[in-house]
C-alpha atoms as a PDB file:
ATOM      1  CA  MET A   1     -73.053  53.313   4.143  1.00  0.00           C
ATOM      2  CA  PRO A   2     -71.767  50.676   6.606  1.00  0.00           C
ATOM      3  CA  PRO A   3     -73.627  47.364   6.916  1.00  0.00           C
ATOM      4  CA  THR A   4     -76.024  46.864   9.801  1.00  0.00           C
ATOM      5  CA  THR A   5     -74.351  45.551  12.946  1.00  0.00           C
ATOM      6  CA  PRO A   6     -74.300  43.014  14.340  1.00  0.00           C
ATOM      7  CA  PRO A   7     -74.700  41.011  11.102  1.00  0.00           C
ATOM      8  CA  LEU A   8     -78.139  39.381  10.902  1.00  0.00           C
ATOM      9  CA  SER A   9     -76.463  35.990  10.440  1.00  0.00           C
ATOM     10  CA  THR A  10     -75.137  36.212  14.006  1.00  0.00           C
ATOM     11  CA  ILE A  11     -78.556  36.711  15.627  1.00  0.00           C
ATOM     12  CA  LEU A  12     -81.161  35.065  13.354  1.00  0.00           C
ATOM     13  CA  PRO A  13     -82.115  31.546  14.509  1.00  0.00           C
ATOM     14  CA  PRO A  14     -82.012  28.843  11.829  1.00  0.00           C
ATOM     15  CA  LEU A  15     -85.693  27.888  12.305  1.00  0.00           C
ATOM     16  CA  ILE A  16     -88.418  30.526  11.962  1.00  0.00           C
ATOM     17  CA  CYS A  17     -92.107  29.931  12.611  1.00  0.00           C
ATOM     18  CA  GLY A  18     -94.082  31.236   9.628  1.00  0.00           C
ATOM     19  CA  THR A  19     -97.605  32.527  10.228  1.00  0.00           C
ATOM     20  CA  ALA A  20     -98.936  32.809   6.662  1.00  0.00           C
ATOM     21  CA  THR A  21    -101.150  29.931   7.834  1.00  0.00           C
ATOM     22  CA  PHE A  22    -102.906  32.317  10.261  1.00  0.00           C
ATOM     23  CA  ASN A  23    -105.406  33.322   7.554  1.00  0.00           C
ATOM     24  CA  ASN A  24    -108.225  31.859   5.461  1.00  0.00           C
ATOM     25  CA  GLN A  25    -106.043  31.083   2.460  1.00  0.00           C
ATOM     26  CA  TYR A  26    -104.639  27.939   4.058  1.00  0.00           C
ATOM     27  CA  ASN A  27    -107.489  27.343   6.523  1.00  0.00           C
ATOM     28  CA  THR A  28    -111.266  27.420   6.184  1.00  0.00           C
ATOM     29  CA  ASP A  29    -111.940  29.189   9.493  1.00  0.00           C
ATOM     30  CA  VAL A  30    -109.040  31.180  10.915  1.00  0.00           C
ATOM     31  CA  SER A  31    -111.019  31.936  14.105  1.00  0.00           C
ATOM     32  CA  SER A  32    -110.850  28.251  15.037  1.00  0.00           C
ATOM     33  CA  LEU A  33    -107.032  28.133  14.898  1.00  0.00           C
ATOM     34  CA  PRO A  34    -105.402  27.842  18.365  1.00  0.00           C
ATOM     35  CA  THR A  35    -102.951  30.636  17.530  1.00  0.00           C
ATOM     36  CA  ASN A  36    -102.164  31.597  21.145  1.00  0.00           C
ATOM     37  CA  ALA A  37    -101.480  27.974  22.028  1.00  0.00           C
ATOM     38  CA  ILE A  38     -99.327  27.443  18.910  1.00  0.00           C
ATOM     39  CA  ILE A  39     -97.130  30.474  19.654  1.00  0.00           C
ATOM     40  CA  ALA A  40     -96.884  29.682  23.377  1.00  0.00           C
ATOM     41  CA  ARG A  41     -95.856  26.108  22.616  1.00  0.00           C
ATOM     42  CA  ALA A  42     -93.390  27.222  19.928  1.00  0.00           C
ATOM     43  CA  LEU A  43     -91.693  29.566  22.403  1.00  0.00           C
ATOM     44  CA  SER A  44     -91.524  26.811  25.024  1.00  0.00           C
ATOM     45  CA  LEU A  45     -89.907  24.497  22.456  1.00  0.00           C
ATOM     46  CA  GLY A  46     -87.171  27.036  21.738  1.00  0.00           C
ATOM     47  CA  VAL A  47     -88.555  28.766  18.624  1.00  0.00           C
ATOM     48  CA  THR A  48     -87.378  32.374  18.821  1.00  0.00           C
ATOM     49  CA  ALA A  49     -88.399  33.983  15.509  1.00  0.00           C
ATOM     50  CA  PHE A  50     -91.780  34.524  13.841  1.00  0.00           C
ATOM     51  CA  ASP A  51     -92.498  35.603  10.261  1.00  0.00           C
ATOM     52  CA  THR A  52     -95.686  37.418   9.218  1.00  0.00           C
ATOM     53  CA  SER A  53     -97.051  40.066   6.822  1.00  0.00           C
ATOM     54  CA  PRO A  54     -99.928  42.556   6.562  1.00  0.00           C
ATOM     55  CA  TYR A  55    -100.914  40.650   3.398  1.00  0.00           C
ATOM     56  CA  TYR A  56    -101.611  37.505   5.445  1.00  0.00           C
ATOM     57  CA  GLY A  57    -105.049  38.685   6.567  1.00  0.00           C
ATOM     58  CA  PRO A  58    -105.279  38.708  10.386  1.00  0.00           C
ATOM     59  CA  SER A  59    -101.842  37.113  10.842  1.00  0.00           C
ATOM     60  CA  GLU A  60    -100.048  40.154  12.303  1.00  0.00           C
ATOM     61  CA  THR A  61    -102.856  40.839  14.775  1.00  0.00           C
ATOM     62  CA  LEU A  62    -103.111  37.200  15.861  1.00  0.00           C
ATOM     63  CA  LEU A  63     -99.337  36.900  16.242  1.00  0.00           C
ATOM     64  CA  GLY A  64     -99.177  40.141  18.244  1.00  0.00           C
ATOM     65  CA  LEU A  65    -101.910  38.976  20.602  1.00  0.00           C
ATOM     66  CA  ALA A  66    -100.250  35.583  21.057  1.00  0.00           C
ATOM     67  CA  LEU A  67     -96.788  37.009  21.741  1.00  0.00           C
ATOM     68  CA  SER A  68     -98.093  39.610  24.181  1.00  0.00           C
ATOM     69  CA  ALA A  69    -100.086  36.909  26.005  1.00  0.00           C
ATOM     70  CA  SER A  70     -96.913  34.840  26.491  1.00  0.00           C
ATOM     71  CA  SER A  71     -94.575  35.163  29.449  1.00  0.00           C
ATOM     72  CA  TYR A  72     -91.551  35.696  27.189  1.00  0.00           C
ATOM     73  CA  PRO A  73     -89.999  39.199  27.094  1.00  0.00           C
ATOM     74  CA  ARG A  74     -89.687  40.908  23.698  1.00  0.00           C
ATOM     75  CA  SER A  75     -85.894  40.649  23.792  1.00  0.00           C
ATOM     76  CA  THR A  76     -86.081  36.827  23.646  1.00  0.00           C
ATOM     77  CA  TYR A  77     -87.633  36.538  20.172  1.00  0.00           C
ATOM     78  CA  LYS A  78     -87.423  38.104  16.701  1.00  0.00           C
ATOM     79  CA  ILE A  79     -90.349  39.418  14.634  1.00  0.00           C
ATOM     80  CA  LEU A  80     -90.071  39.495  10.832  1.00  0.00           C
ATOM     81  CA  THR A  81     -92.770  41.197   8.749  1.00  0.00           C
ATOM     82  CA  LYS A  82     -93.219  42.817   5.341  1.00  0.00           C
ATOM     83  CA  VAL A  83     -94.352  45.941   3.504  1.00  0.00           C
ATOM     84  CA  GLY A  84     -95.625  46.785   0.046  1.00  0.00           C
ATOM     85  CA  ARG A  85     -98.133  44.071  -0.789  1.00  0.00           C
ATOM     86  CA  ILE A  86    -101.690  45.089   0.038  1.00  0.00           C
ATOM     87  CA  GLY A  87    -103.879  42.675  -1.933  1.00  0.00           C
ATOM     88  CA  ALA A  88    -103.771  39.984  -4.593  1.00  0.00           C
ATOM     89  CA  SER A  89    -103.002  42.589  -7.268  1.00  0.00           C
ATOM     90  CA  GLU A  90    -102.471  45.730  -5.183  1.00  0.00           C
ATOM     91  CA  PHE A  91     -99.007  47.018  -4.245  1.00  0.00           C
ATOM     92  CA  ASP A  92     -97.662  50.251  -2.808  1.00  0.00           C
ATOM     93  CA  TYR A  93     -93.906  50.683  -2.331  1.00  0.00           C
ATOM     94  CA  SER A  94     -94.048  54.463  -1.841  1.00  0.00           C
ATOM     95  CA  PRO A  95     -92.282  56.016   1.163  1.00  0.00           C
ATOM     96  CA  GLU A  96     -95.647  57.246   2.463  1.00  0.00           C
ATOM     97  CA  TRP A  97     -97.144  53.766   2.435  1.00  0.00           C
ATOM     98  CA  ILE A  98     -94.000  52.229   3.904  1.00  0.00           C
ATOM     99  CA  ARG A  99     -94.197  54.632   6.859  1.00  0.00           C
ATOM    100  CA  TYR A 100     -97.906  53.918   7.365  1.00  0.00           C
ATOM    101  CA  SER A 101     -97.401  50.155   7.060  1.00  0.00           C
ATOM    102  CA  ILE A 102     -94.576  50.106   9.603  1.00  0.00           C
ATOM    103  CA  GLN A 103     -96.641  52.043  12.168  1.00  0.00           C
ATOM    104  CA  ARG A 104     -99.603  49.722  11.603  1.00  0.00           C
ATOM    105  CA  SER A 105     -97.416  46.609  12.009  1.00  0.00           C
ATOM    106  CA  LEU A 106     -95.912  47.972  15.232  1.00  0.00           C
ATOM    107  CA  HIS A 107     -99.445  48.506  16.579  1.00  0.00           C
ATOM    108  CA  ARG A 108    -100.760  45.106  15.463  1.00  0.00           C
ATOM    109  CA  LEU A 109     -97.716  43.248  16.737  1.00  0.00           C
ATOM    110  CA  LYS A 110     -97.704  45.209  20.022  1.00  0.00           C
ATOM    111  CA  THR A 111     -94.003  45.971  19.753  1.00  0.00           C
ATOM    112  CA  ALA A 112     -91.713  49.002  19.722  1.00  0.00           C
ATOM    113  CA  TYR A 113     -89.529  47.641  16.909  1.00  0.00           C
ATOM    114  CA  LEU A 114     -89.441  45.091  14.070  1.00  0.00           C
ATOM    115  CA  ASP A 115     -86.363  42.912  13.724  1.00  0.00           C
ATOM    116  CA  VAL A 116     -86.568  42.329   9.961  1.00  0.00           C
ATOM    117  CA  VAL A 117     -88.797  44.001   7.370  1.00  0.00           C
ATOM    118  CA  TYR A 118     -88.975  42.645   3.815  1.00  0.00           C
ATOM    119  CA  CYS A 119     -90.311  44.330   0.709  1.00  0.00           C
ATOM    120  CA  HIS A 120     -93.022  41.777  -0.050  1.00  0.00           C
ATOM    121  CA  ASP A 121     -93.175  39.963  -3.434  1.00  0.00           C
ATOM    122  CA  VAL A 122     -90.800  42.254  -5.306  1.00  0.00           C
ATOM    123  CA  GLU A 123     -91.462  40.608  -8.675  1.00  0.00           C
ATOM    124  CA  PHE A 124     -94.740  42.529  -9.033  1.00  0.00           C
ATOM    125  CA  VAL A 125     -93.221  46.030  -8.963  1.00  0.00           C
ATOM    126  CA  SER A 126     -90.409  47.799 -10.808  1.00  0.00           C
ATOM    127  CA  PRO A 127     -86.761  47.653  -9.681  1.00  0.00           C
ATOM    128  CA  GLN A 128     -86.941  51.418  -9.083  1.00  0.00           C
ATOM    129  CA  GLU A 129     -89.861  50.971  -6.689  1.00  0.00           C
ATOM    130  CA  VAL A 130     -87.859  48.348  -4.771  1.00  0.00           C
ATOM    131  CA  LEU A 131     -84.911  50.743  -4.460  1.00  0.00           C
ATOM    132  CA  VAL A 132     -87.189  53.508  -3.154  1.00  0.00           C
ATOM    133  CA  ALA A 133     -88.716  51.162  -0.550  1.00  0.00           C
ATOM    134  CA  VAL A 134     -85.339  49.795   0.595  1.00  0.00           C
ATOM    135  CA  ARG A 135     -83.982  53.332   0.993  1.00  0.00           C
ATOM    136  CA  GLU A 136     -87.018  54.384   3.047  1.00  0.00           C
ATOM    137  CA  LEU A 137     -86.794  51.315   5.286  1.00  0.00           C
ATOM    138  CA  ARG A 138     -83.117  52.046   5.877  1.00  0.00           C
ATOM    139  CA  ARG A 139     -83.938  55.666   6.683  1.00  0.00           C
ATOM    140  CA  ILE A 140     -86.436  54.443   9.289  1.00  0.00           C
ATOM    141  CA  ARG A 141     -83.784  52.049  10.588  1.00  0.00           C
ATOM    142  CA  ASP A 142     -81.163  54.760  10.927  1.00  0.00           C
ATOM    143  CA  GLU A 143     -83.319  57.673  12.095  1.00  0.00           C
ATOM    144  CA  GLU A 144     -86.154  56.059  14.053  1.00  0.00           C
ATOM    145  CA  GLY A 145     -84.855  52.622  15.078  1.00  0.00           C
ATOM    146  CA  THR A 146     -88.221  50.904  14.677  1.00  0.00           C
ATOM    147  CA  VAL A 147     -86.763  48.689  11.923  1.00  0.00           C
ATOM    148  CA  LYS A 148     -83.542  46.797  12.613  1.00  0.00           C
ATOM    149  CA  TYR A 149     -82.787  44.871   9.378  1.00  0.00           C
ATOM    150  CA  VAL A 150     -84.022  45.268   5.784  1.00  0.00           C
ATOM    151  CA  GLY A 151     -84.587  42.690   3.059  1.00  0.00           C
ATOM    152  CA  ILE A 152     -86.692  41.609   0.075  1.00  0.00           C
ATOM    153  CA  SER A 153     -88.870  38.567  -0.516  1.00  0.00           C
ATOM    154  CA  GLY A 154     -90.400  36.955  -3.561  1.00  0.00           C
ATOM    155  CA  TYR A 155     -90.590  33.843  -5.715  1.00  0.00           C
ATOM    156  CA  PRO A 156     -88.382  33.967  -8.875  1.00  0.00           C
ATOM    157  CA  VAL A 157     -84.796  33.245  -7.800  1.00  0.00           C
ATOM    158  CA  PRO A 158     -83.078  34.951 -10.801  1.00  0.00           C
ATOM    159  CA  LEU A 159     -84.990  38.180 -10.107  1.00  0.00           C
ATOM    160  CA  LEU A 160     -84.139  38.086  -6.389  1.00  0.00           C
ATOM    161  CA  CYS A 161     -80.470  37.821  -7.386  1.00  0.00           C
ATOM    162  CA  GLU A 162     -80.728  40.688  -9.891  1.00  0.00           C
ATOM    163  CA  LEU A 163     -82.467  42.987  -7.415  1.00  0.00           C
ATOM    164  CA  SER A 164     -79.936  42.158  -4.692  1.00  0.00           C
ATOM    165  CA  GLU A 165     -77.108  43.089  -7.063  1.00  0.00           C
ATOM    166  CA  LEU A 166     -78.936  46.301  -8.002  1.00  0.00           C
ATOM    167  CA  VAL A 167     -79.401  47.317  -4.346  1.00  0.00           C
ATOM    168  CA  LEU A 168     -75.705  46.792  -3.645  1.00  0.00           C
ATOM    169  CA  LYS A 169     -74.663  48.692  -6.775  1.00  0.00           C
ATOM    170  CA  GLU A 170     -77.011  51.639  -6.204  1.00  0.00           C
ATOM    171  CA  THR A 171     -76.710  51.996  -2.425  1.00  0.00           C
ATOM    172  CA  GLY A 172     -73.291  50.550  -1.595  1.00  0.00           C
ATOM    173  CA  GLU A 173     -74.872  48.254   1.016  1.00  0.00           C
ATOM    174  CA  GLY A 174     -76.050  44.679   0.615  1.00  0.00           C
ATOM    175  CA  LEU A 175     -79.463  43.529   1.811  1.00  0.00           C
ATOM    176  CA  ASP A 176     -79.609  41.974   5.261  1.00  0.00           C
ATOM    177  CA  ALA A 177     -81.946  39.214   4.086  1.00  0.00           C
ATOM    178  CA  VAL A 178     -83.514  37.775   0.938  1.00  0.00           C
ATOM    179  CA  MET A 179     -86.341  35.309   1.503  1.00  0.00           C
ATOM    180  CA  SER A 180     -87.397  32.888  -1.184  1.00  0.00           C
ATOM    181  CA  TYR A 181     -90.301  30.457  -0.852  1.00  0.00           C
ATOM    182  CA  ALA A 182     -91.071  27.077  -2.446  1.00  0.00           C
ATOM    183  CA  ASN A 183     -87.701  27.149  -4.250  1.00  0.00           C
ATOM    184  CA  PHE A 184     -85.823  24.698  -2.076  1.00  0.00           C
ATOM    185  CA  THR A 185     -88.080  21.700  -1.725  1.00  0.00           C
ATOM    186  CA  LEU A 186     -88.097  18.059  -2.707  1.00  0.00           C
ATOM    187  CA  GLN A 187     -89.727  19.230  -5.946  1.00  0.00           C
ATOM    188  CA  ASN A 188     -87.670  22.364  -6.717  1.00  0.00           C
ATOM    189  CA  GLU A 189     -84.062  23.157  -5.740  1.00  0.00           C
ATOM    190  CA  ARG A 190     -83.620  26.358  -7.738  1.00  0.00           C
ATOM    191  CA  LEU A 191     -82.624  28.414  -4.700  1.00  0.00           C
ATOM    192  CA  LYS A 192     -79.360  26.471  -4.453  1.00  0.00           C
ATOM    193  CA  GLY A 193     -78.266  27.987  -7.770  1.00  0.00           C
ATOM    194  CA  GLY A 194     -78.732  31.505  -6.414  1.00  0.00           C
ATOM    195  CA  VAL A 195     -76.601  31.240  -3.279  1.00  0.00           C
ATOM    196  CA  GLU A 196     -73.327  32.395  -4.825  1.00  0.00           C
ATOM    197  CA  SER A 197     -74.945  35.341  -6.640  1.00  0.00           C
ATOM    198  CA  LEU A 198     -76.710  36.453  -3.467  1.00  0.00           C
ATOM    199  CA  ARG A 199     -73.518  36.171  -1.452  1.00  0.00           C
ATOM    200  CA  ALA A 200     -71.628  38.191  -4.072  1.00  0.00           C
ATOM    201  CA  ALA A 201     -74.363  40.827  -3.783  1.00  0.00           C
ATOM    202  CA  GLY A 202     -73.564  41.227  -0.093  1.00  0.00           C
ATOM    203  CA  VAL A 203     -76.748  39.563   1.178  1.00  0.00           C
ATOM    204  CA  GLY A 204     -76.501  38.560   4.846  1.00  0.00           C
ATOM    205  CA  CYS A 205     -79.039  35.729   5.176  1.00  0.00           C
ATOM    206  CA  VAL A 206     -81.245  33.718   2.823  1.00  0.00           C
ATOM    207  CA  PRO A 207     -84.192  32.131   4.646  1.00  0.00           C
ATOM    208  CA  ASN A 208     -85.904  29.335   2.720  1.00  0.00           C
ATOM    209  CA  ALA A 209     -89.659  29.434   3.266  1.00  0.00           C
ATOM    210  CA  SER A 210     -92.258  26.739   2.590  1.00  0.00           C
ATOM    211  CA  PRO A 211     -90.258  23.501   2.251  1.00  0.00           C
ATOM    212  CA  LEU A 212     -93.585  21.832   1.391  1.00  0.00           C
ATOM    213  CA  GLY A 213     -93.996  24.055  -1.690  1.00  0.00           C
ATOM    214  CA  MET A 214     -97.020  25.983  -0.343  1.00  0.00           C
ATOM    215  CA  GLY A 215     -98.599  22.679   0.654  1.00  0.00           C
ATOM    216  CA  LEU A 216     -98.007  20.915  -2.680  1.00  0.00           C
ATOM    217  CA  LEU A 217     -95.995  18.091  -1.090  1.00  0.00           C
ATOM    218  CA  ARG A 218     -98.738  16.699   1.136  1.00  0.00           C
ATOM    219  CA  SER A 219    -100.537  13.358   1.086  1.00  0.00           C
ATOM    220  CA  LYS A 220    -103.925  15.065   0.950  1.00  0.00           C
ATOM    221  CA  GLY A 221    -102.949  17.449  -1.825  1.00  0.00           C
ATOM    222  CA  VAL A 222    -102.762  21.239  -1.918  1.00  0.00           C
ATOM    223  CA  PRO A 223    -104.546  23.194   0.823  1.00  0.00           C
ATOM    224  CA  VAL A 224    -108.006  24.514  -0.022  1.00  0.00           C
ATOM    225  CA  GLY A 225    -109.103  27.137   2.501  1.00  0.00           C
ATOM    226  CA  GLY A 226    -111.767  29.804   2.635  1.00  0.00           C
ATOM    227  CA  LYS A 227    -110.474  31.368  -0.611  1.00  0.00           C
ATOM    228  CA  GLY A 228    -110.719  28.116  -2.572  1.00  0.00           C
ATOM    229  CA  ASP A 229    -107.929  26.394  -4.504  1.00  0.00           C
ATOM    230  CA  PHE A 230    -105.273  29.124  -4.808  1.00  0.00           C
ATOM    231  CA  HIS A 231    -102.278  26.879  -5.512  1.00  0.00           C
ATOM    232  CA  PRO A 232    -100.408  27.708  -8.766  1.00  0.00           C
ATOM    233  CA  ALA A 233     -99.085  24.159  -9.425  1.00  0.00           C
ATOM    234  CA  PRO A 234    -100.452  22.829 -12.739  1.00  0.00           C
ATOM    235  CA  LYS A 235    -102.585  19.695 -12.943  1.00  0.00           C
ATOM    236  CA  GLU A 236     -99.779  17.548 -14.371  1.00  0.00           C
ATOM    237  CA  LEU A 237     -97.397  18.408 -11.523  1.00  0.00           C
ATOM    238  CA  ARG A 238    -100.106  17.722  -8.954  1.00  0.00           C
ATOM    239  CA  GLY A 239    -100.669  14.336 -10.599  1.00  0.00           C
ATOM    240  CA  ARG A 240     -96.973  13.415 -10.339  1.00  0.00           C
ATOM    241  CA  VAL A 241     -96.953  14.468  -6.670  1.00  0.00           C
ATOM    242  CA  MET A 242     -99.913  12.192  -5.952  1.00  0.00           C
ATOM    243  CA  GLU A 243     -98.015   9.360  -7.689  1.00  0.00           C
ATOM    244  CA  ALA A 244     -95.161  10.067  -5.279  1.00  0.00           C
ATOM    245  CA  VAL A 245     -97.629  10.004  -2.363  1.00  0.00           C
ATOM    246  CA  ARG A 246     -98.766   6.504  -3.348  1.00  0.00           C
ATOM    247  CA  TRP A 247     -95.169   5.326  -3.882  1.00  0.00           C
ATOM    248  CA  MET A 248     -94.201   6.646  -0.448  1.00  0.00           C
ATOM    249  CA  GLY A 249     -97.189   4.853   1.067  1.00  0.00           C
ATOM    250  CA  ARG A 250     -95.944   1.559  -0.303  1.00  0.00           C
ATOM    251  CA  LYS A 251     -92.626   2.291   1.436  1.00  0.00           C
ATOM    252  CA  GLY A 252     -94.425   2.938   4.726  1.00  0.00           C
ATOM    253  CA  GLU A 253     -93.621   6.657   4.538  1.00  0.00           C
ATOM    254  CA  LYS A 254     -95.549   9.932   4.202  1.00  0.00           C
ATOM    255  CA  LEU A 255     -94.511  12.403   1.505  1.00  0.00           C
ATOM    256  CA  GLU A 256     -94.862  15.436   3.803  1.00  0.00           C
ATOM    257  CA  VAL A 257     -92.741  13.871   6.564  1.00  0.00           C
ATOM    258  CA  VAL A 258     -89.932  13.016   4.135  1.00  0.00           C
ATOM    259  CA  SER A 259     -90.270  16.400   2.383  1.00  0.00           C
ATOM    260  CA  ILE A 260     -89.996  18.370   5.630  1.00  0.00           C
ATOM    261  CA  ARG A 261     -86.979  16.374   6.761  1.00  0.00           C
ATOM    262  CA  TRP A 262     -85.238  16.626   3.396  1.00  0.00           C
ATOM    263  CA  GLY A 263     -85.979  20.359   3.100  1.00  0.00           C
ATOM    264  CA  LEU A 264     -84.872  21.331   6.597  1.00  0.00           C
ATOM    265  CA  GLU A 265     -81.799  19.102   6.630  1.00  0.00           C
ATOM    266  CA  THR A 266     -80.540  19.789   3.121  1.00  0.00           C
ATOM    267  CA  TRP A 267     -81.020  23.562   3.338  1.00  0.00           C
ATOM    268  CA  ALA A 268     -79.330  23.567   6.760  1.00  0.00           C
ATOM    269  CA  ARG A 269     -76.223  22.491   4.822  1.00  0.00           C
ATOM    270  CA  GLU A 270     -76.736  24.067   1.372  1.00  0.00           C
ATOM    271  CA  GLY A 271     -77.774  27.428   2.843  1.00  0.00           C
ATOM    272  CA  ALA A 272     -75.014  27.527   5.453  1.00  0.00           C
ATOM    273  CA  ALA A 273     -72.987  30.138   3.550  1.00  0.00           C
ATOM    274  CA  LEU A 274     -75.904  32.558   4.028  1.00  0.00           C
ATOM    275  CA  GLY A 275     -77.291  30.977   7.183  1.00  0.00           C
ATOM    276  CA  GLY A 276     -78.104  32.093  10.700  1.00  0.00           C
ATOM    277  CA  VAL A 277     -76.754  31.396  14.176  1.00  0.00           C
ATOM    278  CA  GLY A 278     -74.322  28.480  14.175  1.00  0.00           C
ATOM    279  CA  GLY A 279     -73.784  28.708  10.411  1.00  0.00           C
ATOM    280  CA  ILE A 280     -76.965  26.752   9.683  1.00  0.00           C
ATOM    281  CA  GLY A 281     -79.186  27.470   6.665  1.00  0.00           C
ATOM    282  CA  VAL A 282     -82.361  29.254   7.803  1.00  0.00           C
ATOM    283  CA  SER A 283     -85.786  27.691   7.151  1.00  0.00           C
ATOM    284  CA  VAL A 284     -89.265  29.179   7.624  1.00  0.00           C
ATOM    285  CA  MET A 285     -91.882  26.599   8.542  1.00  0.00           C
ATOM    286  CA  GLY A 286     -95.602  27.331   8.817  1.00  0.00           C
ATOM    287  CA  VAL A 287     -97.970  25.272  10.971  1.00  0.00           C
ATOM    288  CA  SER A 288    -101.743  25.334  11.470  1.00  0.00           C
ATOM    289  CA  ASN A 289    -102.095  23.279  14.644  1.00  0.00           C
ATOM    290  CA  LEU A 290    -100.186  21.965  17.647  1.00  0.00           C
ATOM    291  CA  GLU A 291     -99.690  18.519  16.111  1.00  0.00           C
ATOM    292  CA  GLU A 292     -97.907  19.984  13.080  1.00  0.00           C
ATOM    293  CA  LEU A 293     -95.753  22.102  15.380  1.00  0.00           C
ATOM    294  CA  GLU A 294     -94.756  19.142  17.555  1.00  0.00           C
ATOM    295  CA  GLU A 295     -93.907  17.048  14.489  1.00  0.00           C
ATOM    296  CA  THR A 296     -91.877  19.861  12.907  1.00  0.00           C
ATOM    297  CA  MET A 297     -89.877  20.387  16.095  1.00  0.00           C
ATOM    298  CA  ARG A 298     -89.276  16.656  16.521  1.00  0.00           C
ATOM    299  CA  VAL A 299     -87.873  16.492  12.977  1.00  0.00           C
ATOM    300  CA  TRP A 300     -85.867  19.710  13.406  1.00  0.00           C
ATOM    301  CA  ASN A 301     -84.219  18.572  16.631  1.00  0.00           C
ATOM    302  CA  SER A 302     -83.345  15.256  15.018  1.00  0.00           C
ATOM    303  CA  VAL A 303     -81.839  17.139  12.043  1.00  0.00           C
ATOM    304  CA  LEU A 304     -79.683  19.150  14.473  1.00  0.00           C
ATOM    305  CA  ASP A 305     -78.550  15.890  16.080  1.00  0.00           C
ATOM    306  CA  GLY A 306     -76.809  15.017  12.823  1.00  0.00           C
ATOM    307  CA  LEU A 307     -75.155  18.403  12.288  1.00  0.00           C
ATOM    308  CA  PRO A 308     -71.943  19.740  13.871  1.00  0.00           C
ATOM    309  CA  VAL A 309     -73.750  22.445  15.864  1.00  0.00           C
ATOM    310  CA  PRO A 310     -71.381  24.416  18.142  1.00  0.00           C
ATOM    311  CA  GLY A 311     -72.170  23.881  21.820  1.00  0.00           C
ATOM    312  CA  ARG A 312     -74.858  21.267  21.191  1.00  0.00           C
ATOM    313  CA  GLU A 313     -74.260  17.978  22.990  1.00  0.00           C
ATOM    314  CA  VAL A 314     -75.843  14.954  21.339  1.00  0.00           C
ATOM    315  CA  ALA A 315     -76.081  11.381  22.581  1.00  0.00           C
ATOM    316  CA  LYS A 316     -74.181   8.969  20.331  1.00  0.00           C
ATOM    317  CA  GLU A 317     -77.302   6.926  19.507  1.00  0.00           C
ATOM    318  CA  ASN A 318     -79.234  10.072  18.528  1.00  0.00           C
ATOM    319  CA  ARG A 319     -76.469  11.225  16.206  1.00  0.00           C
ATOM    320  CA  GLU A 320     -76.235   7.778  14.619  1.00  0.00           C
ATOM    321  CA  TRP A 321     -80.022   7.609  14.149  1.00  0.00           C
ATOM    322  CA  SER A 322     -80.068  11.064  12.536  1.00  0.00           C
ATOM    323  CA  LEU A 323     -77.289  10.196  10.092  1.00  0.00           C
ATOM    324  CA  GLU A 324     -78.956   6.887   9.208  1.00  0.00           C
ATOM    325  CA  ARG A 325     -82.279   8.647   8.644  1.00  0.00           C
ATOM    326  CA  ARG A 326     -80.517  11.145   6.365  1.00  0.00           C
ATOM    327  CA  LYS A 327     -79.360   8.268   4.168  1.00  0.00           C
ATOM    328  CA  GLU A 328     -82.899   6.827   4.046  1.00  0.00           C
ATOM    329  CA  VAL A 329     -84.419  10.201   3.171  1.00  0.00           C
ATOM    330  CA  ASP A 330     -81.839  10.866   0.450  1.00  0.00           C
ATOM    331  CA  LYS A 331     -82.687   7.488  -1.088  1.00  0.00           C
ATOM    332  CA  LEU A 332     -86.416   8.249  -0.945  1.00  0.00           C
ATOM    333  CA  ALA A 333     -85.779  11.676  -2.487  1.00  0.00           C
ATOM    334  CA  LYS A 334     -84.186  10.045  -5.536  1.00  0.00           C
ATOM    335  CA  GLY A 335     -87.293   7.895  -5.948  1.00  0.00           C
ATOM    336  CA  VAL A 336     -89.522  10.983  -5.846  1.00  0.00           C
ATOM    337  CA  TRP A 337     -87.333  12.740  -8.428  1.00  0.00           C
ATOM    338  CA  GLU A 338     -87.736   9.789 -10.812  1.00  0.00           C
ATOM    339  CA  ILE A 339     -91.514  10.066 -10.480  1.00  0.00           C
ATOM    340  CA  LEU A 340     -91.470  13.847 -10.993  1.00  0.00           C
ATOM    341  CA  GLY A 341     -89.365  13.492 -14.145  1.00  0.00           C
ATOM    342  CA  GLY A 342     -89.409  16.774 -16.074  1.00  0.00           C
ATOM    343  CA  TRP A 343     -91.421  18.436 -13.311  1.00  0.00           C
ATOM    344  CA  LYS A 344     -88.392  18.346 -11.018  1.00  0.00           C
ATOM    345  CA  ASP A 345     -87.187  21.935 -10.561  1.00  0.00           C
ATOM    346  CA  TYR A 346     -90.252  23.311 -12.346  1.00  0.00           C
ATOM    347  CA  ALA A 347     -91.097  26.823 -11.104  1.00  0.00           C
ATOM    348  CA  TRP A 348     -94.615  28.108 -11.734  1.00  0.00           C
ATOM    349  CA  PRO A 349     -95.207  31.686 -12.943  1.00  0.00           C
ATOM    350  CA  SER A 350     -95.653  34.178 -10.090  1.00  0.00           C
END
């Protein structure tokens, strides 16, 4: 079977707005989130891709309402969603459920097609179930056209590599995308070790989600929303992170600001081999309010100032500032790694 054309890497923007935050896992009251305003502002700032999932509570519905309320035509942005994960411990990768889930997502997102669909959290089902789901998604792609690109998502990097190799071996076609989360952060760089294996498996793009490690790398600690403290980081790791928060404070810095910059900038380079438009590593960044969005975009644009982006003109002083800031952040990162000690590159169980 020939690969999907055009390759996803030629159309996927290197910054994707994640909407896992549009639920009560990260926020106490999702109804108070200014989701329409966040999406409208993101579009106006040049964000052209949005990631969601049926598993993220009302996220798909809220994103669909926000996008349809905007003045931007559907052709100007990409929608990425998922199938297969229903609840905390409930999964269904059957062709019947896949078909139902796709139709439901199309309805919720108020769209005629989905740009990318991932099999969600593949580590919780068997490899055979993943193969069945990928084949069904590709059938929908080829016969119905409501799905454009197909991928998998999950946490353990070695398993994502193994499944990608299996899909290529069994179907003769590599996955369009493999999304990992919390595995390329200031605390954990394991995703870097998987790039070559994923490329050899014919994967088109590898988006890196959650450069803050699901909220671990924040001055105020892990997020506690309406579902309580869900974060899997152990107490000892949390303690080291808070040590790093205090150390950063003495340097006049905030851990989350440095972590976002380091994550976006370093993955832009390290993930370039499996990146998006412009050969830039793709990052997925979730926000819960307009202030977080504005700050993320300010950092992202400054990161781009220091990269050789085709067609992007940058004032000399902006480029110099970006490169100088990169040096500062790299130095701060080394300080954080010393504090983390043996917890650097620790990956929690799924």
